[in-house]
């Protein structure tokens, strides 16, 4: 199974909700996000670490999902 990454994506009309993506590494996660959001800015991508979601985050590499009820928050734990 690919690793889970969380991303902060800024669209033309403002912040997107939290976005998750499955990928082998951060660089690959950025590529998937840039392909999914070609007109948006991928501000930050981090490995999810201990972050847990009750929403479907996919299982295959390249699964990009938005989580409408969750907003990006800068990491304070340094993961």
C-alpha atoms as a PDB file:
ATOM      1  CA  UNK A   1       0.000   0.000   0.000  1.00  0.00           C
ATOM      2  CA  UNK A   2       1.224   3.507  -0.810  1.00  0.00           C
ATOM      3  CA  UNK A   3       1.925   5.978   2.014  1.00  0.00           C
ATOM      4  CA  UNK A   4      -0.650   8.596   2.928  1.00  0.00           C
ATOM      5  CA  UNK A   5       0.253  12.271   2.486  1.00  0.00           C
ATOM      6  CA  UNK A   6      -1.783  15.331   3.419  1.00  0.00           C
ATOM      7  CA  UNK A   7      -1.608  18.507   1.394  1.00  0.00           C
ATOM      8  CA  UNK A   8      -2.364  22.197   1.632  1.00  0.00           C
ATOM      9  CA  UNK A   9      -3.676  23.316  -1.772  1.00  0.00           C
ATOM     10  CA  UNK A  10      -4.573  26.908  -2.598  1.00  0.00           C
ATOM     11  CA  UNK A  11      -7.029  27.402  -5.455  1.00  0.00           C
ATOM     12  CA  UNK A  12      -7.885  30.464  -7.502  1.00  0.00           C
ATOM     13  CA  UNK A  13     -10.854  31.161  -5.208  1.00  0.00           C
ATOM     14  CA  UNK A  14      -9.072  30.402  -1.927  1.00  0.00           C
ATOM     15  CA  UNK A  15      -8.012  27.493   0.233  1.00  0.00           C
ATOM     16  CA  UNK A  16      -9.172  24.015  -0.659  1.00  0.00           C
ATOM     17  CA  UNK A  17     -10.203  21.688   2.145  1.00  0.00           C
ATOM     18  CA  UNK A  18      -7.563  19.242   3.314  1.00  0.00           C
ATOM     19  CA  UNK A  19      -6.432  16.985   0.460  1.00  0.00           C
ATOM     20  CA  UNK A  20      -4.974  13.508   0.884  1.00  0.00           C
ATOM     21  CA  UNK A  21      -2.974  11.586  -1.683  1.00  0.00           C
ATOM     22  CA  UNK A  22      -1.475   8.100  -1.741  1.00  0.00           C
ATOM     23  CA  UNK A  23       2.074   7.878  -3.085  1.00  0.00           C
ATOM     24  CA  UNK A  24       5.431   6.162  -2.574  1.00  0.00           C
ATOM     25  CA  UNK A  25       7.213   9.400  -1.628  1.00  0.00           C
ATOM     26  CA  UNK A  26       6.619  13.143  -1.220  1.00  0.00           C
ATOM     27  CA  UNK A  27       7.879  13.961  -4.713  1.00  0.00           C
ATOM     28  CA  UNK A  28       5.455  11.509  -6.278  1.00  0.00           C
ATOM     29  CA  UNK A  29       2.636  12.904  -4.108  1.00  0.00           C
ATOM     30  CA  UNK A  30       3.371  16.407  -5.455  1.00  0.00           C
ATOM     31  CA  UNK A  31       3.227  15.124  -9.034  1.00  0.00           C
ATOM     32  CA  UNK A  32      -0.181  13.520  -8.432  1.00  0.00           C
ATOM     33  CA  UNK A  33      -1.460  16.719  -6.796  1.00  0.00           C
ATOM     34  CA  UNK A  34      -0.152  18.965  -9.582  1.00  0.00           C
ATOM     35  CA  UNK A  35      -1.886  16.732 -12.127  1.00  0.00           C
ATOM     36  CA  UNK A  36      -5.159  16.780 -10.153  1.00  0.00           C
ATOM     37  CA  UNK A  37      -5.037  20.559  -9.541  1.00  0.00           C
ATOM     38  CA  UNK A  38      -3.190  22.061 -12.541  1.00  0.00           C
ATOM     39  CA  UNK A  39      -4.433  25.617 -11.882  1.00  0.00           C
ATOM     40  CA  UNK A  40      -3.828  25.552  -8.124  1.00  0.00           C
ATOM     41  CA  UNK A  41      -0.759  25.965  -5.936  1.00  0.00           C
ATOM     42  CA  UNK A  42       0.407  22.966  -3.923  1.00  0.00           C
ATOM     43  CA  UNK A  43       1.636  24.870  -0.872  1.00  0.00           C
ATOM     44  CA  UNK A  44       2.770  22.009   1.346  1.00  0.00           C
ATOM     45  CA  UNK A  45       2.803  18.206   1.344  1.00  0.00           C
ATOM     46  CA  UNK A  46       3.670  16.111   4.404  1.00  0.00           C
ATOM     47  CA  UNK A  47       3.468  12.454   5.280  1.00  0.00           C
ATOM     48  CA  UNK A  48       0.340  11.935   7.353  1.00  0.00           C
ATOM     49  CA  UNK A  49       2.157  10.205  10.196  1.00  0.00           C
ATOM     50  CA  UNK A  50      -0.336   9.572  12.986  1.00  0.00           C
ATOM     51  CA  UNK A  51      -3.139  11.575  11.343  1.00  0.00           C
ATOM     52  CA  UNK A  52      -6.315   9.507  11.260  1.00  0.00           C
ATOM     53  CA  UNK A  53      -9.325  10.123   9.043  1.00  0.00           C
ATOM     54  CA  UNK A  54     -12.835   8.765   9.246  1.00  0.00           C
ATOM     55  CA  UNK A  55     -13.156   9.502   5.502  1.00  0.00           C
ATOM     56  CA  UNK A  56     -11.981   7.323   2.633  1.00  0.00           C
ATOM     57  CA  UNK A  57      -8.374   8.176   1.774  1.00  0.00           C
ATOM     58  CA  UNK A  58      -7.997   5.585  -0.977  1.00  0.00           C
ATOM     59  CA  UNK A  59      -5.559   2.707  -1.134  1.00  0.00           C
ATOM     60  CA  UNK A  60      -3.771   2.930  -4.489  1.00  0.00           C
ATOM     61  CA  UNK A  61      -0.960   5.249  -5.540  1.00  0.00           C
ATOM     62  CA  UNK A  62      -2.463   8.325  -7.146  1.00  0.00           C
ATOM     63  CA  UNK A  63      -5.680   8.342  -5.089  1.00  0.00           C
ATOM     64  CA  UNK A  64      -6.314  12.063  -4.466  1.00  0.00           C
ATOM     65  CA  UNK A  65      -9.222  12.916  -2.152  1.00  0.00           C
ATOM     66  CA  UNK A  66     -10.635  16.135  -0.719  1.00  0.00           C
ATOM     67  CA  UNK A  67     -11.984  16.162   2.833  1.00  0.00           C
ATOM     68  CA  UNK A  68     -14.599  18.947   2.859  1.00  0.00           C
ATOM     69  CA  UNK A  69     -15.032  19.154   6.629  1.00  0.00           C
ATOM     70  CA  UNK A  70     -11.300  19.360   7.373  1.00  0.00           C
ATOM     71  CA  UNK A  71      -9.018  22.327   6.814  1.00  0.00           C
ATOM     72  CA  UNK A  72      -5.246  22.375   6.577  1.00  0.00           C
ATOM     73  CA  UNK A  73      -3.442  23.170   9.826  1.00  0.00           C
ATOM     74  CA  UNK A  74       0.279  23.691   9.955  1.00  0.00           C
ATOM     75  CA  UNK A  75       2.099  20.897  11.718  1.00  0.00           C
ATOM     76  CA  UNK A  76       3.353  21.651  15.201  1.00  0.00           C
ATOM     77  CA  UNK A  77       4.824  18.197  15.779  1.00  0.00           C
ATOM     78  CA  UNK A  78       7.435  18.378  13.033  1.00  0.00           C
ATOM     79  CA  UNK A  79       6.303  15.250  11.203  1.00  0.00           C
END
